[in-house]
Amino acid sequence: MKGAIAVLVKTPGLSPVKTRLSATIGHPLADRFFRLAKAAKEAILKEAVGAFAERDIALSCYWAIGEEQGVSHPMWQGLERMYTGPGGMGERMHHVYSTRLQDHDFVMLMGVDSPQHSVANLLEAVECLQQPDSLVIGPASDGGFYLFGGNTPVPLEHWAAVEYGREDTLASLLTRLDAYAINYTGSMTDVDTEGDLQRMVDEMAGELLPEQVALVSFVDRL
């Protein structure tokens, strides 16, 4: 089996990042969080490649980058890279999901804002995709989702009809997916505000990677 995990990101300096967090803790600290979260996510995915291989799953991991010129940026050279394509969030997610599904048995989409994730979480998600025509969603505590995975096509109109970054984002998406078999992983915090930082730390479980320990130290020093 072949699988893909794509993390949708924007490149600092080319696009605004963590604007809501910047409004409360300032741009330098918000930028520092973003870079620490990116490092933690990358470390988790690299560890996941080996864990998935033990289950006979060849896992490819991608940065799905929001700017075409960002694909060559030094920040993103640790994983495979692809351009999300233009358009709104729905169009970009559809492009990444459908493109990777052409050459993989399943695809999972994530953001960089949930670095408390673990390899165990990802293995739980892929277990939900053992049956054909299945989806798996990780609900975020703010009403969105931190993970979307599937082994079956999802039409562009389903993605594009949703308003993202709202308290009803997931609920809106689900109204368009009622024909699919949907599984869920546990709820988790996407870090958007200062208050989310401690919740992120509280949700870290098990043995942390060094990059996650660095995030905990960052939050402790705030």
N, C-alpha and C. Protein backbone atom coordinates (compact mmCIF):
# COMPACT_ATOMS: atom_id res chain seq x y z
N MET A 1 0.85 -1.19 0.00
CA MET A 1 0.00 0.00 0.00
C MET A 1 0.88 1.24 0.00
N LYS A 2 0.45 2.25 -0.73
CA LYS A 2 1.16 3.53 -0.79
C LYS A 2 0.27 4.63 -0.23
N GLY A 3 0.83 5.44 0.64
CA GLY A 3 0.07 6.54 1.21
C GLY A 3 0.84 7.84 1.14
N ALA A 4 0.12 8.94 1.24
CA ALA A 4 0.73 10.28 1.23
C ALA A 4 0.14 11.11 2.35
N ILE A 5 1.00 11.86 3.03
CA ILE A 5 0.57 12.89 3.97
C ILE A 5 1.09 14.21 3.44
N ALA A 6 0.20 15.17 3.27
CA ALA A 6 0.57 16.49 2.78
C ALA A 6 0.19 17.53 3.82
N VAL A 7 1.15 18.37 4.19
CA VAL A 7 0.94 19.42 5.17
C VAL A 7 0.86 20.75 4.44
N LEU A 8 -0.30 21.39 4.52
CA LEU A 8 -0.49 22.66 3.83
C LEU A 8 0.15 23.79 4.64
N VAL A 9 1.01 24.56 3.98
CA VAL A 9 1.77 25.61 4.66
C VAL A 9 1.86 26.85 3.78
N LYS A 10 2.18 27.96 4.44
CA LYS A 10 2.56 29.19 3.75
C LYS A 10 3.97 29.55 4.20
N THR A 11 4.67 30.29 3.36
CA THR A 11 6.06 30.59 3.61
C THR A 11 6.21 31.98 4.24
N PRO A 12 6.81 32.07 5.44
CA PRO A 12 7.06 33.39 6.04
C PRO A 12 7.88 34.27 5.09
N GLY A 13 7.46 35.51 4.98
CA GLY A 13 8.12 36.42 4.07
C GLY A 13 7.47 36.48 2.70
N LEU A 14 6.77 35.42 2.34
CA LEU A 14 6.02 35.41 1.09
C LEU A 14 4.52 35.56 1.33
N SER A 15 4.06 35.08 2.47
CA SER A 15 2.65 35.19 2.86
C SER A 15 2.59 35.46 4.36
N PRO A 16 1.54 36.13 4.84
CA PRO A 16 1.37 36.28 6.29
C PRO A 16 1.11 34.92 6.93
N VAL A 17 1.74 34.68 8.09
CA VAL A 17 1.50 33.44 8.83
C VAL A 17 1.21 33.79 10.29
N LYS A 18 0.35 33.00 10.92
CA LYS A 18 0.01 33.13 12.34
C LYS A 18 -0.40 34.57 12.70
N THR A 19 -1.27 35.17 11.91
CA THR A 19 -1.65 36.56 12.14
C THR A 19 -2.46 36.73 13.43
N ARG A 20 -3.34 35.79 13.74
CA ARG A 20 -4.13 35.90 14.97
C ARG A 20 -3.23 35.74 16.20
N LEU A 21 -2.29 34.85 16.13
CA LEU A 21 -1.36 34.68 17.25
C LEU A 21 -0.46 35.90 17.38
N SER A 22 -0.04 36.47 16.27
CA SER A 22 0.80 37.67 16.29
C SER A 22 0.11 38.83 16.99
N ALA A 23 -1.22 38.89 16.88
CA ALA A 23 -1.96 40.01 17.45
C ALA A 23 -1.87 40.04 18.97
N THR A 24 -1.59 38.89 19.59
CA THR A 24 -1.54 38.85 21.06
C THR A 24 -0.13 38.67 21.62
N ILE A 25 0.72 37.90 20.95
CA ILE A 25 2.07 37.68 21.50
C ILE A 25 3.15 38.39 20.69
N GLY A 26 2.75 39.05 19.61
CA GLY A 26 3.71 39.78 18.79
C GLY A 26 4.26 38.91 17.66
N HIS A 27 4.68 39.59 16.60
CA HIS A 27 5.14 38.86 15.42
C HIS A 27 6.38 38.01 15.68
N PRO A 28 7.42 38.51 16.39
CA PRO A 28 8.61 37.67 16.57
C PRO A 28 8.31 36.34 17.27
N LEU A 29 7.48 36.38 18.32
CA LEU A 29 7.17 35.14 19.03
C LEU A 29 6.26 34.24 18.20
N ALA A 30 5.32 34.83 17.47
CA ALA A 30 4.45 34.02 16.61
C ALA A 30 5.26 33.35 15.51
N ASP A 31 6.22 34.07 14.96
CA ASP A 31 7.09 33.49 13.94
C ASP A 31 7.93 32.37 14.53
N ARG A 32 8.40 32.57 15.76
CA ARG A 32 9.18 31.52 16.43
C ARG A 32 8.34 30.28 16.64
N PHE A 33 7.08 30.46 17.07
CA PHE A 33 6.20 29.30 17.22
C PHE A 33 6.03 28.58 15.90
N PHE A 34 5.78 29.32 14.83
CA PHE A 34 5.56 28.71 13.53
C PHE A 34 6.75 27.84 13.12
N ARG A 35 7.95 28.33 13.34
CA ARG A 35 9.14 27.58 12.94
C ARG A 35 9.35 26.35 13.83
N LEU A 36 9.06 26.49 15.11
CA LEU A 36 9.15 25.33 16.00
C LEU A 36 8.09 24.29 15.66
N ALA A 37 6.88 24.74 15.36
CA ALA A 37 5.81 23.82 14.98
C ALA A 37 6.14 23.11 13.68
N LYS A 38 6.71 23.84 12.75
CA LYS A 38 7.12 23.23 11.48
C LYS A 38 8.17 22.16 11.72
N ALA A 39 9.14 22.44 12.56
CA ALA A 39 10.19 21.46 12.85
C ALA A 39 9.62 20.22 13.52
N ALA A 40 8.67 20.42 14.44
CA ALA A 40 8.05 19.28 15.11
C ALA A 40 7.24 18.44 14.14
N LYS A 41 6.48 19.09 13.28
CA LYS A 41 5.68 18.35 12.29
C LYS A 41 6.57 17.55 11.36
N GLU A 42 7.66 18.15 10.93
CA GLU A 42 8.58 17.44 10.03
C GLU A 42 9.19 16.23 10.73
N ALA A 43 9.57 16.38 11.99
CA ALA A 43 10.15 15.27 12.73
C ALA A 43 9.15 14.13 12.91
N ILE A 44 7.90 14.48 13.20
CA ILE A 44 6.85 13.46 13.35
C ILE A 44 6.68 12.68 12.05
N LEU A 45 6.64 13.39 10.93
CA LEU A 45 6.42 12.72 9.65
C LEU A 45 7.59 11.83 9.27
N LYS A 46 8.80 12.27 9.54
CA LYS A 46 9.96 11.44 9.24
C LYS A 46 9.94 10.16 10.08
N GLU A 47 9.52 10.27 11.33
CA GLU A 47 9.40 9.08 12.17
C GLU A 47 8.27 8.19 11.67
N ALA A 48 7.21 8.80 11.17
CA ALA A 48 6.06 8.03 10.68
C ALA A 48 6.43 7.16 9.48
N VAL A 49 7.36 7.61 8.66
CA VAL A 49 7.74 6.84 7.48
C VAL A 49 8.20 5.44 7.89
N GLY A 50 9.04 5.36 8.92
CA GLY A 50 9.50 4.06 9.39
C GLY A 50 8.40 3.24 10.02
N ALA A 51 7.56 3.89 10.82
CA ALA A 51 6.47 3.17 11.48
C ALA A 51 5.47 2.62 10.47
N PHE A 52 5.19 3.37 9.43
CA PHE A 52 4.28 2.89 8.39
C PHE A 52 4.91 1.75 7.60
N ALA A 53 6.23 1.84 7.35
CA ALA A 53 6.91 0.79 6.61
C ALA A 53 6.81 -0.55 7.33
N GLU A 54 6.83 -0.53 8.66
CA GLU A 54 6.68 -1.76 9.43
C GLU A 54 5.32 -2.40 9.20
N ARG A 55 4.38 -1.63 8.71
CA ARG A 55 3.03 -2.14 8.40
C ARG A 55 2.82 -2.27 6.89
N ASP A 56 3.94 -2.34 6.17
CA ASP A 56 3.92 -2.51 4.71
C ASP A 56 3.21 -1.37 3.99
N ILE A 57 3.35 -0.17 4.53
CA ILE A 57 2.82 1.03 3.88
C ILE A 57 3.98 1.93 3.49
N ALA A 58 4.12 2.18 2.21
CA ALA A 58 5.14 3.11 1.73
C ALA A 58 4.57 4.52 1.82
N LEU A 59 5.07 5.29 2.79
CA LEU A 59 4.52 6.62 3.06
C LEU A 59 5.40 7.70 2.46
N SER A 60 4.79 8.59 1.70
CA SER A 60 5.46 9.78 1.19
C SER A 60 4.89 11.00 1.89
N CYS A 61 5.77 11.92 2.28
CA CYS A 61 5.34 13.10 3.04
C CYS A 61 5.71 14.36 2.26
N TYR A 62 4.77 15.28 2.19
CA TYR A 62 4.92 16.48 1.37
C TYR A 62 4.63 17.74 2.17
N TRP A 63 5.41 18.78 1.90
CA TRP A 63 4.96 20.13 2.19
C TRP A 63 4.14 20.59 1.00
N ALA A 64 2.89 20.95 1.22
CA ALA A 64 2.04 21.50 0.17
C ALA A 64 2.05 23.01 0.36
N ILE A 65 2.77 23.72 -0.49
CA ILE A 65 3.19 25.09 -0.24
C ILE A 65 2.29 26.06 -1.01
N GLY A 66 1.86 27.10 -0.31
CA GLY A 66 0.84 27.99 -0.84
C GLY A 66 1.32 28.99 -1.87
N GLU A 67 2.63 29.11 -2.07
CA GLU A 67 3.15 30.02 -3.08
C GLU A 67 4.04 29.22 -4.03
N GLU A 68 3.88 29.45 -5.30
CA GLU A 68 4.68 28.70 -6.27
C GLU A 68 6.16 28.93 -6.05
N GLN A 69 6.54 30.19 -5.73
CA GLN A 69 7.95 30.48 -5.51
C GLN A 69 8.44 29.91 -4.19
N GLY A 70 7.51 29.57 -3.28
CA GLY A 70 7.91 29.00 -2.01
C GLY A 70 8.39 27.57 -2.10
N VAL A 71 8.11 26.90 -3.20
CA VAL A 71 8.50 25.49 -3.34
C VAL A 71 10.02 25.32 -3.25
N SER A 72 10.76 26.32 -3.69
CA SER A 72 12.22 26.23 -3.65
C SER A 72 12.82 26.87 -2.40
N HIS A 73 11.97 27.35 -1.48
CA HIS A 73 12.47 28.03 -0.28
C HIS A 73 13.23 27.04 0.61
N PRO A 74 14.36 27.48 1.20
CA PRO A 74 15.15 26.57 2.04
C PRO A 74 14.38 25.95 3.20
N MET A 75 13.34 26.63 3.67
CA MET A 75 12.59 26.14 4.83
C MET A 75 11.92 24.80 4.57
N TRP A 76 11.63 24.50 3.33
CA TRP A 76 10.79 23.33 3.01
C TRP A 76 11.56 22.18 2.38
N GLN A 77 12.87 22.19 2.48
CA GLN A 77 13.64 21.18 1.75
C GLN A 77 13.74 19.84 2.48
N GLY A 78 13.19 19.73 3.68
CA GLY A 78 13.31 18.49 4.45
C GLY A 78 12.35 17.39 4.03
N LEU A 79 11.29 17.74 3.28
CA LEU A 79 10.33 16.76 2.78
C LEU A 79 10.13 17.00 1.29
N GLU A 80 9.41 16.07 0.65
CA GLU A 80 9.01 16.33 -0.73
C GLU A 80 8.11 17.57 -0.75
N ARG A 81 8.05 18.22 -1.90
CA ARG A 81 7.35 19.49 -1.98
C ARG A 81 6.41 19.51 -3.19
N MET A 82 5.32 20.24 -3.03
CA MET A 82 4.42 20.48 -4.15
C MET A 82 3.74 21.83 -3.94
N TYR A 83 3.28 22.41 -5.01
CA TYR A 83 2.53 23.67 -4.96
C TYR A 83 1.05 23.33 -4.79
N THR A 84 0.38 24.06 -3.92
CA THR A 84 -1.05 23.80 -3.70
C THR A 84 -1.91 24.17 -4.89
N GLY A 85 -1.37 24.98 -5.79
CA GLY A 85 -2.20 25.57 -6.82
C GLY A 85 -2.85 26.84 -6.29
N PRO A 86 -3.47 27.62 -7.16
CA PRO A 86 -4.10 28.88 -6.75
C PRO A 86 -5.49 28.65 -6.19
N GLY A 87 -6.12 29.75 -5.77
CA GLY A 87 -7.50 29.69 -5.31
C GLY A 87 -7.62 29.77 -3.81
N GLY A 88 -8.84 29.56 -3.32
CA GLY A 88 -9.11 29.57 -1.89
C GLY A 88 -8.68 28.26 -1.25
N MET A 89 -8.91 28.16 0.06
CA MET A 89 -8.49 26.98 0.79
C MET A 89 -9.13 25.71 0.23
N GLY A 90 -10.40 25.77 -0.10
CA GLY A 90 -11.06 24.59 -0.64
C GLY A 90 -10.45 24.12 -1.95
N GLU A 91 -10.18 25.05 -2.84
CA GLU A 91 -9.57 24.70 -4.12
C GLU A 91 -8.17 24.12 -3.92
N ARG A 92 -7.43 24.69 -2.99
CA ARG A 92 -6.07 24.21 -2.74
C ARG A 92 -6.08 22.80 -2.14
N MET A 93 -6.95 22.57 -1.17
CA MET A 93 -7.02 21.23 -0.58
C MET A 93 -7.46 20.20 -1.61
N HIS A 94 -8.43 20.57 -2.43
CA HIS A 94 -8.86 19.65 -3.48
C HIS A 94 -7.71 19.32 -4.42
N HIS A 95 -6.95 20.33 -4.81
CA HIS A 95 -5.84 20.09 -5.74
C HIS A 95 -4.82 19.14 -5.12
N VAL A 96 -4.44 19.38 -3.89
CA VAL A 96 -3.44 18.53 -3.24
C VAL A 96 -3.98 17.12 -3.06
N TYR A 97 -5.18 17.01 -2.53
CA TYR A 97 -5.78 15.69 -2.26
C TYR A 97 -5.93 14.89 -3.55
N SER A 98 -6.52 15.50 -4.57
CA SER A 98 -6.79 14.76 -5.80
C SER A 98 -5.51 14.43 -6.56
N THR A 99 -4.54 15.33 -6.53
CA THR A 99 -3.27 15.07 -7.21
C THR A 99 -2.54 13.90 -6.58
N ARG A 100 -2.44 13.89 -5.27
CA ARG A 100 -1.72 12.82 -4.60
C ARG A 100 -2.49 11.50 -4.66
N LEU A 101 -3.81 11.56 -4.72
CA LEU A 101 -4.60 10.34 -4.78
C LEU A 101 -4.42 9.62 -6.12
N GLN A 102 -3.93 10.32 -7.12
CA GLN A 102 -3.68 9.69 -8.41
C GLN A 102 -2.59 8.63 -8.33
N ASP A 103 -1.64 8.81 -7.41
CA ASP A 103 -0.53 7.85 -7.33
C ASP A 103 -0.33 7.27 -5.93
N HIS A 104 -1.35 7.38 -5.08
CA HIS A 104 -1.31 6.78 -3.75
C HIS A 104 -2.66 6.15 -3.44
N ASP A 105 -2.64 5.17 -2.54
CA ASP A 105 -3.89 4.50 -2.16
C ASP A 105 -4.72 5.34 -1.19
N PHE A 106 -4.06 6.19 -0.42
CA PHE A 106 -4.77 7.10 0.46
C PHE A 106 -3.96 8.38 0.61
N VAL A 107 -4.65 9.44 1.00
CA VAL A 107 -4.01 10.74 1.21
C VAL A 107 -4.55 11.32 2.51
N MET A 108 -3.67 11.91 3.31
CA MET A 108 -4.08 12.67 4.49
C MET A 108 -3.56 14.09 4.36
N LEU A 109 -4.43 15.05 4.64
CA LEU A 109 -4.09 16.47 4.64
C LEU A 109 -4.03 16.97 6.07
N MET A 110 -3.03 17.81 6.35
CA MET A 110 -2.88 18.40 7.68
C MET A 110 -2.39 19.83 7.53
N GLY A 111 -2.38 20.54 8.64
CA GLY A 111 -1.73 21.83 8.72
C GLY A 111 -0.54 21.73 9.66
N VAL A 112 0.15 22.84 9.84
CA VAL A 112 1.31 22.85 10.72
C VAL A 112 0.93 23.23 12.15
N ASP A 113 -0.35 23.56 12.38
CA ASP A 113 -0.79 24.14 13.65
C ASP A 113 -1.15 23.11 14.72
N SER A 114 -0.90 21.84 14.47
CA SER A 114 -1.17 20.81 15.48
C SER A 114 0.08 19.96 15.71
N PRO A 115 1.16 20.57 16.20
CA PRO A 115 2.42 19.84 16.37
C PRO A 115 2.43 18.89 17.56
N GLN A 116 1.32 18.82 18.31
CA GLN A 116 1.21 17.85 19.39
C GLN A 116 0.86 16.46 18.87
N HIS A 117 0.67 16.36 17.57
CA HIS A 117 0.38 15.09 16.93
C HIS A 117 1.45 14.06 17.27
N SER A 118 1.14 12.80 17.11
CA SER A 118 2.12 11.73 17.29
C SER A 118 1.98 10.73 16.16
N VAL A 119 2.99 9.88 16.02
CA VAL A 119 2.91 8.81 15.03
C VAL A 119 1.73 7.91 15.33
N ALA A 120 1.46 7.68 16.62
CA ALA A 120 0.31 6.84 16.99
C ALA A 120 -1.00 7.43 16.46
N ASN A 121 -1.14 8.75 16.50
CA ASN A 121 -2.33 9.40 15.95
C ASN A 121 -2.47 9.11 14.45
N LEU A 122 -1.35 9.16 13.75
CA LEU A 122 -1.39 8.93 12.31
C LEU A 122 -1.70 7.48 11.99
N LEU A 123 -1.17 6.57 12.77
CA LEU A 123 -1.48 5.15 12.57
C LEU A 123 -2.95 4.88 12.84
N GLU A 124 -3.49 5.55 13.85
CA GLU A 124 -4.93 5.41 14.13
C GLU A 124 -5.75 5.88 12.93
N ALA A 125 -5.32 6.99 12.34
CA ALA A 125 -6.06 7.52 11.19
C ALA A 125 -6.01 6.57 10.01
N VAL A 126 -4.84 6.00 9.74
CA VAL A 126 -4.75 5.13 8.57
C VAL A 126 -5.51 3.83 8.78
N GLU A 127 -5.66 3.40 10.02
CA GLU A 127 -6.48 2.21 10.29
C GLU A 127 -7.92 2.44 9.86
N CYS A 128 -8.35 3.69 9.90
CA CYS A 128 -9.72 4.03 9.50
C CYS A 128 -9.91 3.97 7.99
N LEU A 129 -8.81 3.81 7.26
CA LEU A 129 -8.89 3.82 5.80
C LEU A 129 -8.63 2.45 5.20
N GLN A 130 -8.82 1.41 5.99
CA GLN A 130 -8.60 0.06 5.48
C GLN A 130 -9.74 -0.40 4.58
N GLN A 131 -10.92 0.15 4.78
CA GLN A 131 -12.06 -0.19 3.93
C GLN A 131 -12.12 0.76 2.74
N PRO A 132 -12.57 0.28 1.59
CA PRO A 132 -12.65 1.17 0.42
C PRO A 132 -13.67 2.28 0.61
N ASP A 133 -13.46 3.35 -0.14
CA ASP A 133 -14.40 4.48 -0.16
C ASP A 133 -14.63 5.05 1.23
N SER A 134 -13.55 5.26 1.96
CA SER A 134 -13.63 5.74 3.34
C SER A 134 -12.93 7.08 3.49
N LEU A 135 -13.39 7.86 4.47
CA LEU A 135 -12.75 9.10 4.87
C LEU A 135 -12.45 9.04 6.36
N VAL A 136 -11.46 9.81 6.79
CA VAL A 136 -11.18 9.97 8.21
C VAL A 136 -10.96 11.45 8.48
N ILE A 137 -11.54 11.93 9.58
CA ILE A 137 -11.44 13.35 9.93
C ILE A 137 -11.01 13.47 11.38
N GLY A 138 -10.07 14.37 11.63
CA GLY A 138 -9.69 14.72 12.99
C GLY A 138 -10.30 16.06 13.33
N PRO A 139 -11.34 16.11 14.16
CA PRO A 139 -11.98 17.38 14.49
C PRO A 139 -11.06 18.27 15.33
N ALA A 140 -11.06 19.55 15.04
CA ALA A 140 -10.34 20.52 15.86
C ALA A 140 -11.31 21.14 16.86
N SER A 141 -10.78 21.54 17.99
CA SER A 141 -11.64 22.05 19.07
C SER A 141 -12.28 23.38 18.72
N ASP A 142 -11.80 24.05 17.67
CA ASP A 142 -12.37 25.35 17.28
C ASP A 142 -13.47 25.23 16.24
N GLY A 143 -13.89 23.99 15.92
CA GLY A 143 -14.95 23.80 14.95
C GLY A 143 -14.47 23.47 13.55
N GLY A 144 -13.17 23.45 13.36
CA GLY A 144 -12.60 23.04 12.08
C GLY A 144 -12.11 21.60 12.15
N PHE A 145 -11.06 21.31 11.42
CA PHE A 145 -10.46 19.97 11.48
C PHE A 145 -8.96 20.10 11.28
N TYR A 146 -8.22 19.23 11.97
CA TYR A 146 -6.76 19.25 11.87
C TYR A 146 -6.25 18.17 10.93
N LEU A 147 -7.11 17.24 10.53
CA LEU A 147 -6.72 16.15 9.64
C LEU A 147 -7.91 15.76 8.78
N PHE A 148 -7.64 15.56 7.51
CA PHE A 148 -8.63 15.01 6.58
C PHE A 148 -7.93 13.97 5.75
N GLY A 149 -8.45 12.76 5.76
CA GLY A 149 -7.84 11.70 4.97
C GLY A 149 -8.89 10.91 4.22
N GLY A 150 -8.45 10.26 3.16
CA GLY A 150 -9.39 9.45 2.40
C GLY A 150 -8.69 8.59 1.38
N ASN A 151 -9.44 7.62 0.88
CA ASN A 151 -8.96 6.74 -0.19
C ASN A 151 -9.89 6.76 -1.39
N THR A 152 -10.68 7.82 -1.48
CA THR A 152 -11.68 7.95 -2.53
C THR A 152 -11.79 9.41 -2.95
N PRO A 153 -12.09 9.68 -4.21
CA PRO A 153 -12.17 11.08 -4.65
C PRO A 153 -13.26 11.87 -3.92
N VAL A 154 -12.99 13.16 -3.73
CA VAL A 154 -13.97 14.10 -3.18
C VAL A 154 -14.06 15.26 -4.18
N PRO A 155 -15.23 15.49 -4.75
CA PRO A 155 -15.35 16.50 -5.81
C PRO A 155 -15.00 17.91 -5.33
N LEU A 156 -14.51 18.70 -6.25
CA LEU A 156 -14.13 20.08 -5.96
C LEU A 156 -15.27 20.86 -5.34
N GLU A 157 -16.49 20.65 -5.80
CA GLU A 157 -17.60 21.46 -5.29
C GLU A 157 -17.83 21.25 -3.80
N HIS A 158 -17.50 20.07 -3.28
CA HIS A 158 -17.65 19.83 -1.84
C HIS A 158 -16.65 20.68 -1.05
N TRP A 159 -15.41 20.73 -1.53
CA TRP A 159 -14.38 21.53 -0.86
C TRP A 159 -14.68 23.03 -0.97
N ALA A 160 -15.05 23.45 -2.16
CA ALA A 160 -15.16 24.88 -2.44
C ALA A 160 -16.37 25.53 -1.81
N ALA A 161 -17.38 24.74 -1.45
CA ALA A 161 -18.61 25.30 -0.88
C ALA A 161 -18.46 25.67 0.59
N VAL A 162 -17.35 25.29 1.21
CA VAL A 162 -17.16 25.48 2.65
C VAL A 162 -16.40 26.78 2.92
N GLU A 163 -16.80 27.51 3.97
CA GLU A 163 -16.03 28.65 4.45
C GLU A 163 -15.10 28.16 5.55
N TYR A 164 -13.82 28.37 5.36
CA TYR A 164 -12.81 27.84 6.28
C TYR A 164 -12.44 28.88 7.33
N GLY A 165 -11.92 28.38 8.46
CA GLY A 165 -11.54 29.26 9.56
C GLY A 165 -12.70 29.75 10.38
N ARG A 166 -13.82 29.01 10.37
CA ARG A 166 -15.02 29.39 11.12
C ARG A 166 -15.37 28.28 12.11
N GLU A 167 -16.23 28.64 13.07
CA GLU A 167 -16.65 27.66 14.07
C GLU A 167 -17.51 26.55 13.48
N ASP A 168 -18.08 26.79 12.32
CA ASP A 168 -18.94 25.78 11.70
C ASP A 168 -18.30 25.16 10.45
N THR A 169 -16.98 25.29 10.32
CA THR A 169 -16.32 24.77 9.13
C THR A 169 -16.53 23.26 8.97
N LEU A 170 -16.26 22.50 10.03
CA LEU A 170 -16.41 21.05 9.92
C LEU A 170 -17.86 20.67 9.70
N ALA A 171 -18.77 21.30 10.43
CA ALA A 171 -20.19 20.99 10.27
C ALA A 171 -20.64 21.25 8.84
N SER A 172 -20.15 22.34 8.26
CA SER A 172 -20.51 22.67 6.89
C SER A 172 -19.96 21.64 5.91
N LEU A 173 -18.72 21.20 6.13
CA LEU A 173 -18.14 20.18 5.26
C LEU A 173 -18.91 18.87 5.36
N LEU A 174 -19.29 18.50 6.57
CA LEU A 174 -19.96 17.22 6.77
C LEU A 174 -21.31 17.16 6.06
N THR A 175 -21.98 18.29 5.93
CA THR A 175 -23.27 18.27 5.22
C THR A 175 -23.09 17.90 3.76
N ARG A 176 -21.88 18.06 3.25
CA ARG A 176 -21.60 17.74 1.85
C ARG A 176 -20.99 16.35 1.68
N LEU A 177 -20.74 15.67 2.78
CA LEU A 177 -20.08 14.36 2.72
C LEU A 177 -20.96 13.24 3.23
N ASP A 178 -22.28 13.44 3.24
CA ASP A 178 -23.15 12.44 3.84
C ASP A 178 -23.22 11.14 3.06
N ALA A 179 -22.69 11.12 1.83
CA ALA A 179 -22.68 9.89 1.05
C ALA A 179 -21.46 9.02 1.33
N TYR A 180 -20.55 9.52 2.18
CA TYR A 180 -19.29 8.81 2.44
C TYR A 180 -19.33 8.11 3.80
N ALA A 181 -18.53 7.05 3.92
CA ALA A 181 -18.29 6.42 5.22
C ALA A 181 -17.20 7.22 5.91
N ILE A 182 -17.54 7.89 7.01
CA ILE A 182 -16.60 8.79 7.69
C ILE A 182 -16.24 8.23 9.05
N ASN A 183 -14.94 8.18 9.32
CA ASN A 183 -14.42 7.80 10.63
C ASN A 183 -13.79 9.03 11.26
N TYR A 184 -13.63 8.99 12.58
CA TYR A 184 -13.10 10.14 13.30
C TYR A 184 -11.97 9.72 14.23
N THR A 185 -10.95 10.57 14.30
CA THR A 185 -9.94 10.44 15.34
C THR A 185 -10.29 11.43 16.45
N GLY A 186 -9.52 11.42 17.53
CA GLY A 186 -9.84 12.28 18.67
C GLY A 186 -9.68 13.76 18.35
N SER A 187 -10.44 14.57 19.07
CA SER A 187 -10.37 16.02 18.90
C SER A 187 -9.03 16.55 19.37
N MET A 188 -8.56 17.61 18.73
CA MET A 188 -7.26 18.19 19.05
C MET A 188 -7.31 19.69 18.79
N THR A 189 -6.43 20.43 19.43
CA THR A 189 -6.38 21.88 19.28
C THR A 189 -5.51 22.28 18.10
N ASP A 190 -6.03 23.13 17.25
CA ASP A 190 -5.23 23.86 16.26
C ASP A 190 -4.82 25.18 16.90
N VAL A 191 -3.55 25.50 16.88
CA VAL A 191 -3.08 26.71 17.55
C VAL A 191 -3.33 27.93 16.67
N ASP A 192 -4.26 28.77 17.10
CA ASP A 192 -4.55 30.03 16.42
C ASP A 192 -4.37 31.23 17.35
N THR A 193 -4.55 31.02 18.66
CA THR A 193 -4.50 32.11 19.62
C THR A 193 -3.55 31.76 20.76
N GLU A 194 -3.25 32.75 21.59
CA GLU A 194 -2.34 32.52 22.72
C GLU A 194 -2.88 31.45 23.65
N GLY A 195 -4.19 31.45 23.90
CA GLY A 195 -4.77 30.45 24.79
C GLY A 195 -4.64 29.04 24.28
N ASP A 196 -4.49 28.88 22.96
CA ASP A 196 -4.35 27.54 22.39
C ASP A 196 -3.00 26.91 22.69
N LEU A 197 -2.00 27.74 23.00
CA LEU A 197 -0.65 27.22 23.19
C LEU A 197 -0.58 26.23 24.35
N GLN A 198 -1.15 26.59 25.50
CA GLN A 198 -1.11 25.69 26.64
C GLN A 198 -1.97 24.46 26.39
N ARG A 199 -3.08 24.63 25.70
CA ARG A 199 -3.91 23.46 25.36
C ARG A 199 -3.14 22.49 24.46
N MET A 200 -2.37 23.02 23.54
CA MET A 200 -1.52 22.19 22.70
C MET A 200 -0.56 21.36 23.54
N VAL A 201 0.10 22.02 24.49
CA VAL A 201 1.05 21.31 25.36
C VAL A 201 0.34 20.24 26.17
N ASP A 202 -0.83 20.57 26.70
CA ASP A 202 -1.57 19.62 27.53
C ASP A 202 -1.98 18.37 26.74
N GLU A 203 -2.11 18.51 25.43
CA GLU A 203 -2.54 17.38 24.59
C GLU A 203 -1.38 16.51 24.13
N MET A 204 -0.15 16.92 24.41
CA MET A 204 0.99 16.08 24.06
C MET A 204 1.02 14.88 24.99
N ALA A 205 1.22 13.70 24.42
CA ALA A 205 1.17 12.47 25.21
C ALA A 205 2.32 11.56 24.79
N GLY A 206 2.72 10.69 25.72
CA GLY A 206 3.77 9.73 25.42
C GLY A 206 5.14 10.38 25.40
N GLU A 207 6.08 9.69 24.81
CA GLU A 207 7.45 10.20 24.73
C GLU A 207 7.54 11.25 23.63
N LEU A 208 7.93 12.45 24.00
CA LEU A 208 7.96 13.55 23.04
C LEU A 208 9.25 13.53 22.24
N LEU A 209 9.16 13.96 21.00
CA LEU A 209 10.34 14.16 20.19
C LEU A 209 11.07 15.41 20.66
N PRO A 210 12.37 15.51 20.42
CA PRO A 210 13.11 16.71 20.84
C PRO A 210 12.49 18.00 20.32
N GLU A 211 11.96 17.96 19.13
CA GLU A 211 11.34 19.16 18.55
C GLU A 211 10.06 19.54 19.29
N GLN A 212 9.36 18.55 19.83
CA GLN A 212 8.17 18.85 20.64
C GLN A 212 8.58 19.36 22.02
N VAL A 213 9.65 18.83 22.56
CA VAL A 213 10.17 19.35 23.83
C VAL A 213 10.54 20.82 23.69
N ALA A 214 11.11 21.19 22.56
CA ALA A 214 11.44 22.59 22.31
C ALA A 214 10.19 23.46 22.29
N LEU A 215 9.09 22.94 21.77
CA LEU A 215 7.83 23.68 21.80
C LEU A 215 7.32 23.86 23.22
N VAL A 216 7.40 22.82 24.02
CA VAL A 216 6.97 22.92 25.42
C VAL A 216 7.79 23.99 26.14
N SER A 217 9.09 23.99 25.92
CA SER A 217 9.95 25.00 26.55
C SER A 217 9.59 26.40 26.09
N PHE A 218 9.26 26.55 24.82
CA PHE A 218 8.84 27.85 24.28
C PHE A 218 7.60 28.35 25.00
N VAL A 219 6.60 27.49 25.16
CA VAL A 219 5.36 27.89 25.83
C VAL A 219 5.63 28.20 27.30
N ASP A 220 6.46 27.41 27.94
CA ASP A 220 6.76 27.63 29.36
C ASP A 220 7.43 28.98 29.60
N ARG A 221 8.15 29.48 28.62
CA ARG A 221 8.87 30.75 28.78
C ARG A 221 8.02 31.97 28.48
N LEU A 222 6.83 31.77 27.93
CA LEU A 222 5.98 32.92 27.60
C LEU A 222 5.46 33.62 28.87
